[in-house]
Protein backbone atom coordinates (compact mmCIF):
# COMPACT_ATOMS: atom_id res chain seq x y z
CA MET A 1 92.34 114.16 135.41
CA GLN A 2 90.56 113.73 132.09
CA VAL A 3 86.88 113.90 131.15
CA LYS A 4 86.83 110.17 130.33
CA ASP A 5 87.75 109.42 133.97
CA ILE A 6 84.57 110.97 135.37
CA MET A 7 81.97 111.25 132.58
CA SER A 8 78.76 109.26 132.50
CA GLN A 9 78.98 106.75 129.67
CA SER A 10 75.28 105.93 129.56
CA ALA A 11 73.60 108.99 128.11
CA ARG A 12 69.90 108.95 127.24
CA THR A 13 69.53 110.03 123.61
CA VAL A 14 66.81 110.75 121.08
CA THR A 15 66.76 110.90 117.28
CA PRO A 16 65.61 113.71 114.98
CA GLU A 17 62.46 111.69 114.29
CA THR A 18 61.52 111.20 117.96
CA PRO A 19 58.10 112.74 118.66
CA LEU A 20 58.38 115.72 120.97
CA ILE A 21 55.75 114.27 123.30
CA GLU A 22 58.25 111.51 124.17
CA VAL A 23 61.05 114.02 124.75
CA VAL A 24 59.05 116.32 127.01
CA SER A 25 57.82 113.30 128.94
CA LEU A 26 61.44 112.31 129.61
CA MET A 27 62.29 115.90 130.53
CA CYS A 28 59.43 116.19 132.99
CA LEU A 29 59.67 112.70 134.50
CA PHE A 30 63.46 112.52 134.86
CA ARG A 31 64.20 116.26 135.13
CA PHE A 32 66.42 116.29 132.04
CA SER A 33 67.08 119.84 130.88
CA GLY A 34 68.20 118.57 127.50
CA LEU A 35 69.02 115.43 125.54
CA PRO A 36 71.62 114.68 122.86
CA VAL A 37 70.19 114.00 119.41
CA VAL A 38 71.89 111.20 117.47
CA GLU A 39 71.54 109.62 114.05
CA GLY A 40 73.11 106.21 114.13
CA GLU A 41 76.43 106.73 115.92
CA LYS A 42 76.74 110.44 115.03
CA MET A 43 75.67 113.27 117.30
CA VAL A 44 73.66 115.80 115.28
CA GLY A 45 72.38 118.20 117.93
CA VAL A 46 70.69 118.76 121.26
CA ILE A 47 67.06 119.26 122.22
CA ALA A 48 66.65 121.38 125.34
CA GLU A 49 63.75 122.60 127.44
CA LYS A 50 64.47 126.12 126.24
CA ASP A 51 63.99 124.95 122.62
CA VAL A 52 60.54 123.63 123.51
CA LEU A 53 59.47 126.58 125.63
CA HIS A 54 60.79 129.11 123.12
CA ARG A 55 57.84 128.25 120.88
CA LEU A 56 55.50 129.60 123.58
CA PHE A 57 57.18 132.99 124.00
CA PRO A 58 55.69 136.12 122.47
CA SER A 59 57.08 137.03 119.06
CA LEU A 60 58.97 140.25 118.56
CA GLU A 61 55.89 141.70 116.86
CA GLU A 62 53.68 140.78 119.82
CA THR A 63 56.19 142.34 122.19
CA MET A 64 56.47 145.52 120.14
CA ASP A 65 52.68 145.90 120.10
CA GLY A 66 52.76 146.14 123.87
CA MET A 67 53.12 143.49 126.53
CA ALA A 68 49.74 144.41 128.04
CA SER A 69 47.95 143.01 124.99
CA VAL A 70 49.75 139.67 125.05
CA ASP A 71 47.47 136.80 126.08
CA TYR A 72 49.88 134.54 127.97
CA ASP A 73 47.19 131.97 128.78
CA ALA A 74 46.47 131.57 125.07
CA MET A 75 50.21 131.22 124.45
CA MET A 76 50.36 128.38 126.95
CA GLY A 77 47.74 126.68 124.78
CA ARG A 78 50.31 126.56 121.96
CA TYR A 79 52.01 123.79 123.92
CA ARG A 80 49.63 121.22 122.43
CA ASP A 81 50.81 122.22 118.95
CA VAL A 82 54.45 121.97 120.02
CA LEU A 83 53.88 118.40 121.22
CA ASP A 84 52.83 117.41 117.67
CA LEU A 85 56.32 118.29 116.37
CA LYS A 86 59.40 116.10 116.12
CA VAL A 87 62.82 116.71 117.62
CA LYS A 88 64.21 117.80 114.22
CA ASP A 89 61.76 120.72 114.21
CA LEU A 90 63.21 122.32 117.36
CA MET A 91 66.67 120.89 118.06
CA SER A 92 69.82 122.98 118.11
CA THR A 93 72.60 121.92 115.76
CA GLY A 94 76.25 122.87 115.85
CA THR A 95 76.40 121.58 119.38
CA ILE A 96 79.31 122.45 121.64
CA THR A 97 81.00 119.33 123.01
CA VAL A 98 84.09 118.34 124.93
CA THR A 99 86.41 115.41 124.23
CA PRO A 100 87.18 112.45 126.49
CA ASP A 101 90.87 113.36 126.68
CA MET A 102 90.23 116.99 127.72
CA HIS A 103 91.29 118.02 131.23
CA VAL A 104 88.23 118.25 133.50
CA LEU A 105 88.94 121.87 134.45
CA ARG A 106 89.19 122.87 130.80
CA ALA A 107 85.86 121.14 130.16
CA ALA A 108 84.33 122.90 133.18
CA THR A 109 85.59 126.21 131.81
CA VAL A 110 83.77 125.53 128.52
CA MET A 111 80.62 124.66 130.44
CA VAL A 112 80.69 127.73 132.65
CA ARG A 113 81.51 130.05 129.75
CA HIS A 114 78.43 128.78 127.87
CA LYS A 115 76.25 128.53 131.01
CA PHE A 116 75.82 124.75 130.64
CA ARG A 117 75.28 122.41 133.59
CA ARG A 118 75.80 119.37 131.34
CA ILE A 119 77.72 118.92 128.12
CA PRO A 120 77.98 116.06 125.62
CA VAL A 121 81.31 114.27 125.34
CA ALA A 122 82.06 113.40 121.73
CA GLU A 123 84.91 111.82 119.82
CA GLY A 124 85.01 112.12 116.06
CA GLY A 125 81.39 113.31 116.01
CA ARG A 126 80.24 110.25 117.99
CA LEU A 127 78.60 110.72 121.39
CA VAL A 128 80.56 108.80 124.03
CA GLY A 129 79.14 110.27 127.23
CA MET A 130 77.89 113.24 129.22
CA LEU A 131 79.68 115.42 131.73
CA SER A 132 78.02 117.54 134.41
CA LEU A 133 79.42 120.27 136.61
CA GLY A 134 78.45 118.01 139.51
CA ASP A 135 80.70 115.26 138.10
CA VAL A 136 83.60 117.72 137.93
CA HIS A 137 83.02 119.09 141.42
CA LYS A 138 82.70 115.62 142.96
CA ALA A 139 85.90 114.41 141.25
CA ILE A 140 87.89 117.43 142.42
CA PHE A 141 86.54 117.04 145.95
CA GLN A 142 87.38 113.33 146.06
CA ALA A 143 90.87 113.91 144.64
CA ASN A 144 91.61 116.52 147.30
CA ILE A 145 90.24 114.38 150.13
CA SER A 146 92.22 111.32 149.03
CA MET A 147 95.43 113.35 148.83
CA GLY A 148 94.78 114.87 152.24
CA LEU A 149 94.78 118.40 150.81
CA CYS A 150 91.60 119.55 152.49
CA LYS A 151 92.04 121.08 155.92
CA LYS A 152 89.91 119.70 158.70
């Protein structure tokens, strides 16, 4: 079974110029942990919740000075400044992807190894879908049920 057989072909995407307020709204409303970033047809990166929240974490210098002196409530106030940014300011590039013709278990191995729950499916640098661990699990379950391999 190949990735193309089970992937979602309708992936929500953003561009590098998308205002972060729009991205975090999508993340919070639809519980997206991350979104592919595309320019035209080409996938150029991913913007994830961790990229957004990372801007709120204490710096190494603040941590070295002693965690007791860190004002976490003030750090939460930095969120307003983060919302003024664009996707290109925080996105991760060099994104790990899988291909449509990859075996689903090989794709799942890539996902687990990198601690991803979802991964972009790309062909020639072009985003063609998204694959989740749930998609893989469901497909394996259905294949085993239909072949009568699961014991009752």
